[in-house]
C-alpha atoms as a PDB file:
ATOM      1  CA  MET A   1       0.169   0.024   0.180  1.00  0.00           C
ATOM      2  CA  ARG A   2       2.842   2.420   0.710  1.00  0.00           C
ATOM      3  CA  GLU A   3       4.359   1.644  -2.572  1.00  0.00           C
ATOM      4  CA  LEU A   4       0.919   2.729  -4.040  1.00  0.00           C
ATOM      5  CA  LEU A   5       0.795   5.916  -2.369  1.00  0.00           C
ATOM      6  CA  ASP A   6       4.614   6.671  -3.309  1.00  0.00           C
ATOM      7  CA  LEU A   7       3.814   6.055  -6.798  1.00  0.00           C
ATOM      8  CA  ILE A   8       0.667   8.356  -6.912  1.00  0.00           C
ATOM      9  CA  ARG A   9       2.688  11.137  -5.038  1.00  0.00           C
ATOM     10  CA  ALA A  10       5.506  10.920  -7.539  1.00  0.00           C
ATOM     11  CA  ASN A  11       3.217  10.890 -10.668  1.00  0.00           C
ATOM     12  CA  PRO A  12      -0.211  12.159  -9.852  1.00  0.00           C
ATOM     13  CA  TRP A  13      -1.658  12.823 -13.454  1.00  0.00           C
ATOM     14  CA  PRO A  14      -2.773   9.418 -14.653  1.00  0.00           C
ATOM     15  CA  PHE A  15      -4.737   8.573 -11.259  1.00  0.00           C
ATOM     16  CA  GLY A  16      -6.130  12.306 -11.109  1.00  0.00           C
ATOM     17  CA  ALA A  17      -7.183  11.957 -14.849  1.00  0.00           C
ATOM     18  CA  GLY A  18      -8.856   8.533 -14.365  1.00  0.00           C
ATOM     19  CA  LEU A  19     -10.767   9.969 -11.367  1.00  0.00           C
ATOM     20  CA  LEU A  20     -11.932  13.009 -13.295  1.00  0.00           C
ATOM     21  CA  VAL A  21     -12.996  10.730 -16.226  1.00  0.00           C
ATOM     22  CA  VAL A  22     -15.260   8.705 -13.981  1.00  0.00           C
ATOM     23  CA  ILE A  23     -16.583  11.464 -12.319  1.00  0.00           C
ATOM     24  CA  LEU A  24     -17.626  13.321 -15.687  1.00  0.00           C
ATOM     25  CA  MET A  25     -19.166   9.977 -16.972  1.00  0.00           C
ATOM     26  CA  ILE A  26     -21.379   9.755 -13.760  1.00  0.00           C
ATOM     27  CA  ILE A  27     -22.464  13.412 -14.480  1.00  0.00           C
ATOM     28  CA  ALA A  28     -22.922  12.737 -18.155  1.00  0.00           C
ATOM     29  CA  GLU A  29     -25.196   9.721 -17.528  1.00  0.00           C
ATOM     30  CA  ASN A  30     -27.229  11.571 -15.047  1.00  0.00           C
ATOM     31  CA  PHE A  31     -27.620  14.602 -17.118  1.00  0.00           C
ATOM     32  CA  GLY A  32     -28.726  12.457 -20.206  1.00  0.00           C
ATOM     33  CA  ARG A  33     -31.320  10.602 -18.092  1.00  0.00           C
ATOM     34  CA  GLY A  34     -32.583  13.827 -17.169  1.00  0.00           C
ATOM     35  CA  ILE A  35     -32.906  15.117 -20.654  1.00  0.00           C
ATOM     36  CA  GLN A  36     -34.483  11.997 -21.927  1.00  0.00           C
ATOM     37  CA  GLY A  37     -36.881  11.897 -19.095  1.00  0.00           C
ATOM     38  CA  GLY A  38     -36.285   8.310 -18.405  1.00  0.00           C
ATOM     39  CA  GLY A  39     -39.859   7.297 -19.339  1.00  0.00           C
ATOM     40  CA  ASP A  40     -42.918   9.166 -18.424  1.00  0.00           C
ATOM     41  CA  ALA A  41     -42.308   9.177 -14.541  1.00  0.00           C
ATOM     42  CA  GLY A  42     -40.055  12.585 -15.042  1.00  0.00           C
ATOM     43  CA  TRP A  43     -37.146  13.139 -12.847  1.00  0.00           C
ATOM     44  CA  GLY A  44     -37.636  10.493 -10.257  1.00  0.00           C
ATOM     45  CA  ASP A  45     -37.903   6.806 -10.634  1.00  0.00           C
ATOM     46  CA  PHE A  46     -41.370   6.525  -9.013  1.00  0.00           C
ATOM     47  CA  SER A  47     -44.388   8.331 -10.090  1.00  0.00           C
ATOM     48  CA  GLU A  48     -47.009   9.750  -7.659  1.00  0.00           C
ATOM     49  CA  GLY A  49     -49.677  10.000 -10.047  1.00  0.00           C
ATOM     50  CA  ASP A  50     -51.558   6.600  -9.451  1.00  0.00           C
ATOM     51  CA  ALA A  51     -50.885   6.333  -5.555  1.00  0.00           C
ATOM     52  CA  GLY A  52     -54.223   5.167  -4.530  1.00  0.00           C
ATOM     53  CA  ASP A  53     -55.162   4.302  -0.843  1.00  0.00           C
ATOM     54  CA  GLY A  54     -57.342   1.582  -1.719  1.00  0.00           C
ATOM     55  CA  GLY A  55     -60.196   2.970   0.251  1.00  0.00           C
ATOM     56  CA  GLY A  56     -63.494   0.966   0.570  1.00  0.00           C
ATOM     57  CA  ASP A  57     -66.928   1.663   1.635  1.00  0.00           C
END
């Protein structure tokens, strides 16, 4: 583990670039889902339109 940390300290660019790419991919995926709508539920995963309490007489 110490050798890995020494390697990162000696040359941080590849590790920082990899982390930046992962973060940008997560943001792009979430942004793309927001624009497409992800179906008819809108921004969330669950729609509250047809909740219904099952009320009876």
